[in-house]
Structures are given as C-alpha cells and as structure tokens.
C-alpha cells in the first residue's frame, strides 16, 4: 500500500503541481487522510481494505489541501478536475469502517 500511495502521490503531484513535504502512514479511526499545515500528508493504512479507486481519490483530496485548506467550492472543483469519480468514491468510503 505504501508503494502504491507513493506512486499515486508522484503521479498526481506532477499533474496538479502540488508537492507534499513528506508522507506519513497511520492506523487511526477518524480519517482516511490528512494534510498538515507543514505540507505532510498522512494516510490511514486501513485504505488497503477499501474498494479500488479510493486510494487515488484520497491522494488527490489530500494534495488539493496543499492549495485549499478547507472544503469550499474551489477545493472540490480542483479535486473533481483531477479525479472525476469524486462523488462515487466519497460514497464508497462512507460505507467502509476506517479501522479494520
């Protein structure tokens, strides 16, 4: 999973022009991913149990936070620009427990 996340971060960073300062991997019950103000992106290792496509969506979502801190219209426009299946992935992720 870590190698896949790293490859997706590399791919989408180049497309979006947004580059994190680091990556972290966690085991938490509260989120799939986060973006710290320092630019470090964190990813929940329970993503290994999620449906195909969700990891890429979480990567794009967290990278977009490097540009837009909140979840406003500009943030969602950016996420959907680089990951058109955003609504589908959000629905899928809501149905999967974050701690498996």
C-alpha atoms as a PDB file:
ATOM      1  CA  UNK A   1       0.000   0.000   0.000  1.00  0.00           C
ATOM      2  CA  UNK A   2       2.784   2.446   0.877  1.00  0.00           C
ATOM      3  CA  UNK A   3       4.452   1.966  -2.520  1.00  0.00           C
ATOM      4  CA  UNK A   4       1.132   2.436  -4.306  1.00  0.00           C
ATOM      5  CA  UNK A   5       0.382   5.618  -2.340  1.00  0.00           C
ATOM      6  CA  UNK A   6       3.864   6.946  -3.104  1.00  0.00           C
ATOM      7  CA  UNK A   7       3.415   6.255  -6.825  1.00  0.00           C
ATOM      8  CA  UNK A   8      -0.006   7.942  -6.809  1.00  0.00           C
ATOM      9  CA  UNK A   9       1.395  10.956  -4.933  1.00  0.00           C
ATOM     10  CA  UNK A  10       4.192  11.232  -7.518  1.00  0.00           C
ATOM     11  CA  UNK A  11       1.737  10.936 -10.421  1.00  0.00           C
ATOM     12  CA  UNK A  12      -0.854  13.403  -9.127  1.00  0.00           C
ATOM     13  CA  UNK A  13       1.726  15.836  -7.705  1.00  0.00           C
ATOM     14  CA  UNK A  14       3.146  16.242 -11.200  1.00  0.00           C
ATOM     15  CA  UNK A  15      -0.330  16.698 -12.709  1.00  0.00           C
ATOM     16  CA  UNK A  16      -1.546  19.123 -10.051  1.00  0.00           C
ATOM     17  CA  UNK A  17       1.721  20.991  -9.477  1.00  0.00           C
ATOM     18  CA  UNK A  18       1.400  20.385  -5.723  1.00  0.00           C
ATOM     19  CA  UNK A  19       4.174  18.689  -3.767  1.00  0.00           C
ATOM     20  CA  UNK A  20       3.961  17.490  -0.157  1.00  0.00           C
ATOM     21  CA  UNK A  21       6.908  17.906   2.194  1.00  0.00           C
ATOM     22  CA  UNK A  22       6.535  14.330   3.406  1.00  0.00           C
ATOM     23  CA  UNK A  23       4.277  11.311   3.787  1.00  0.00           C
ATOM     24  CA  UNK A  24       3.108   9.529   6.946  1.00  0.00           C
ATOM     25  CA  UNK A  25       1.198   6.318   7.425  1.00  0.00           C
ATOM     26  CA  UNK A  26      -1.159   5.874  10.357  1.00  0.00           C
ATOM     27  CA  UNK A  27      -3.609   3.474  11.965  1.00  0.00           C
ATOM     28  CA  UNK A  28      -6.496   5.668  13.154  1.00  0.00           C
ATOM     29  CA  UNK A  29     -10.275   5.513  13.459  1.00  0.00           C
ATOM     30  CA  UNK A  30     -11.104   9.091  12.466  1.00  0.00           C
ATOM     31  CA  UNK A  31      -9.851   9.805   8.946  1.00  0.00           C
ATOM     32  CA  UNK A  32      -8.622   8.301   5.662  1.00  0.00           C
ATOM     33  CA  UNK A  33      -6.041  11.027   5.108  1.00  0.00           C
ATOM     34  CA  UNK A  34      -4.941  14.407   6.389  1.00  0.00           C
ATOM     35  CA  UNK A  35      -2.822  17.324   5.256  1.00  0.00           C
ATOM     36  CA  UNK A  36      -0.798  19.105   7.927  1.00  0.00           C
ATOM     37  CA  UNK A  37      -0.010  22.813   7.662  1.00  0.00           C
ATOM     38  CA  UNK A  38       3.637  21.723   7.275  1.00  0.00           C
ATOM     39  CA  UNK A  39       2.695  20.011   3.998  1.00  0.00           C
ATOM     40  CA  UNK A  40       2.989  16.450   5.327  1.00  0.00           C
ATOM     41  CA  UNK A  41       0.254  14.141   4.064  1.00  0.00           C
ATOM     42  CA  UNK A  42      -0.915  11.274   6.283  1.00  0.00           C
ATOM     43  CA  UNK A  43      -2.722   8.188   5.046  1.00  0.00           C
ATOM     44  CA  UNK A  44      -4.657   5.613   7.057  1.00  0.00           C
ATOM     45  CA  UNK A  45      -3.322   2.115   6.436  1.00  0.00           C
ATOM     46  CA  UNK A  46      -6.913   0.787   6.540  1.00  0.00           C
ATOM     47  CA  UNK A  47      -7.116   2.113   2.954  1.00  0.00           C
ATOM     48  CA  UNK A  48      -5.795  -1.335   1.962  1.00  0.00           C
ATOM     49  CA  UNK A  49      -9.316  -2.645   2.637  1.00  0.00           C
ATOM     50  CA  UNK A  50     -11.186  -0.067   0.576  1.00  0.00           C
ATOM     51  CA  UNK A  51     -12.613  -0.550  -2.937  1.00  0.00           C
ATOM     52  CA  UNK A  52     -10.440   0.065  -5.983  1.00  0.00           C
ATOM     53  CA  UNK A  53     -10.054   3.732  -6.832  1.00  0.00           C
ATOM     54  CA  UNK A  54     -10.490   5.088  -3.348  1.00  0.00           C
ATOM     55  CA  UNK A  55      -6.770   5.369  -2.586  1.00  0.00           C
ATOM     56  CA  UNK A  56      -6.219   7.536  -5.653  1.00  0.00           C
ATOM     57  CA  UNK A  57      -9.152   9.716  -4.647  1.00  0.00           C
ATOM     58  CA  UNK A  58      -7.759  10.189  -1.107  1.00  0.00           C
ATOM     59  CA  UNK A  59      -4.357  11.108  -2.581  1.00  0.00           C
ATOM     60  CA  UNK A  60      -5.931  13.758  -4.838  1.00  0.00           C
ATOM     61  CA  UNK A  61      -8.099  15.018  -1.964  1.00  0.00           C
ATOM     62  CA  UNK A  62      -5.114  15.484   0.347  1.00  0.00           C
ATOM     63  CA  UNK A  63      -2.937  17.040  -2.355  1.00  0.00           C
ATOM     64  CA  UNK A  64      -5.714  19.570  -3.048  1.00  0.00           C
ATOM     65  CA  UNK A  65      -5.472  20.614   0.605  1.00  0.00           C
ATOM     66  CA  UNK A  66      -1.946  21.845  -0.111  1.00  0.00           C
ATOM     67  CA  UNK A  67      -3.646  24.570  -2.184  1.00  0.00           C
ATOM     68  CA  UNK A  68      -7.027  24.955  -0.442  1.00  0.00           C
ATOM     69  CA  UNK A  69      -7.189  24.350   3.317  1.00  0.00           C
ATOM     70  CA  UNK A  70     -10.961  23.965   3.668  1.00  0.00           C
ATOM     71  CA  UNK A  71     -13.650  22.095   1.758  1.00  0.00           C
ATOM     72  CA  UNK A  72     -15.020  25.032  -0.192  1.00  0.00           C
ATOM     73  CA  UNK A  73     -16.152  25.173  -3.828  1.00  0.00           C
ATOM     74  CA  UNK A  74     -12.634  25.839  -5.179  1.00  0.00           C
ATOM     75  CA  UNK A  75     -11.287  22.845  -3.274  1.00  0.00           C
ATOM     76  CA  UNK A  76     -13.972  20.497  -4.654  1.00  0.00           C
ATOM     77  CA  UNK A  77     -13.554  21.887  -8.173  1.00  0.00           C
ATOM     78  CA  UNK A  78      -9.853  21.015  -8.025  1.00  0.00           C
ATOM     79  CA  UNK A  79     -10.471  17.521  -6.647  1.00  0.00           C
ATOM     80  CA  UNK A  80     -13.094  16.788  -9.312  1.00  0.00           C
ATOM     81  CA  UNK A  81     -10.859  18.175 -12.055  1.00  0.00           C
ATOM     82  CA  UNK A  82      -8.127  15.647 -11.245  1.00  0.00           C
ATOM     83  CA  UNK A  83     -10.381  12.845 -10.007  1.00  0.00           C
ATOM     84  CA  UNK A  84     -13.735  12.929 -11.841  1.00  0.00           C
ATOM     85  CA  UNK A  85     -15.147   9.972  -9.845  1.00  0.00           C
ATOM     86  CA  UNK A  86     -15.027  12.011  -6.628  1.00  0.00           C
ATOM     87  CA  UNK A  87     -18.713  11.670  -5.710  1.00  0.00           C
ATOM     88  CA  UNK A  88     -18.657   7.916  -6.263  1.00  0.00           C
ATOM     89  CA  UNK A  89     -15.510   7.481  -4.148  1.00  0.00           C
ATOM     90  CA  UNK A  90     -16.850   9.632  -1.308  1.00  0.00           C
ATOM     91  CA  UNK A  91     -19.970   7.479  -1.168  1.00  0.00           C
ATOM     92  CA  UNK A  92     -17.904   4.269  -1.174  1.00  0.00           C
ATOM     93  CA  UNK A  93     -15.602   5.499   1.598  1.00  0.00           C
ATOM     94  CA  UNK A  94     -18.550   6.411   3.816  1.00  0.00           C
ATOM     95  CA  UNK A  95     -19.595   2.749   3.747  1.00  0.00           C
ATOM     96  CA  UNK A  96     -16.223   1.347   4.893  1.00  0.00           C
ATOM     97  CA  UNK A  97     -15.045   1.409   8.541  1.00  0.00           C
ATOM     98  CA  UNK A  98     -11.808   3.420   8.951  1.00  0.00           C
ATOM     99  CA  UNK A  99     -10.302   0.934  11.347  1.00  0.00           C
ATOM    100  CA  UNK A 100     -10.167  -2.625  10.105  1.00  0.00           C
END
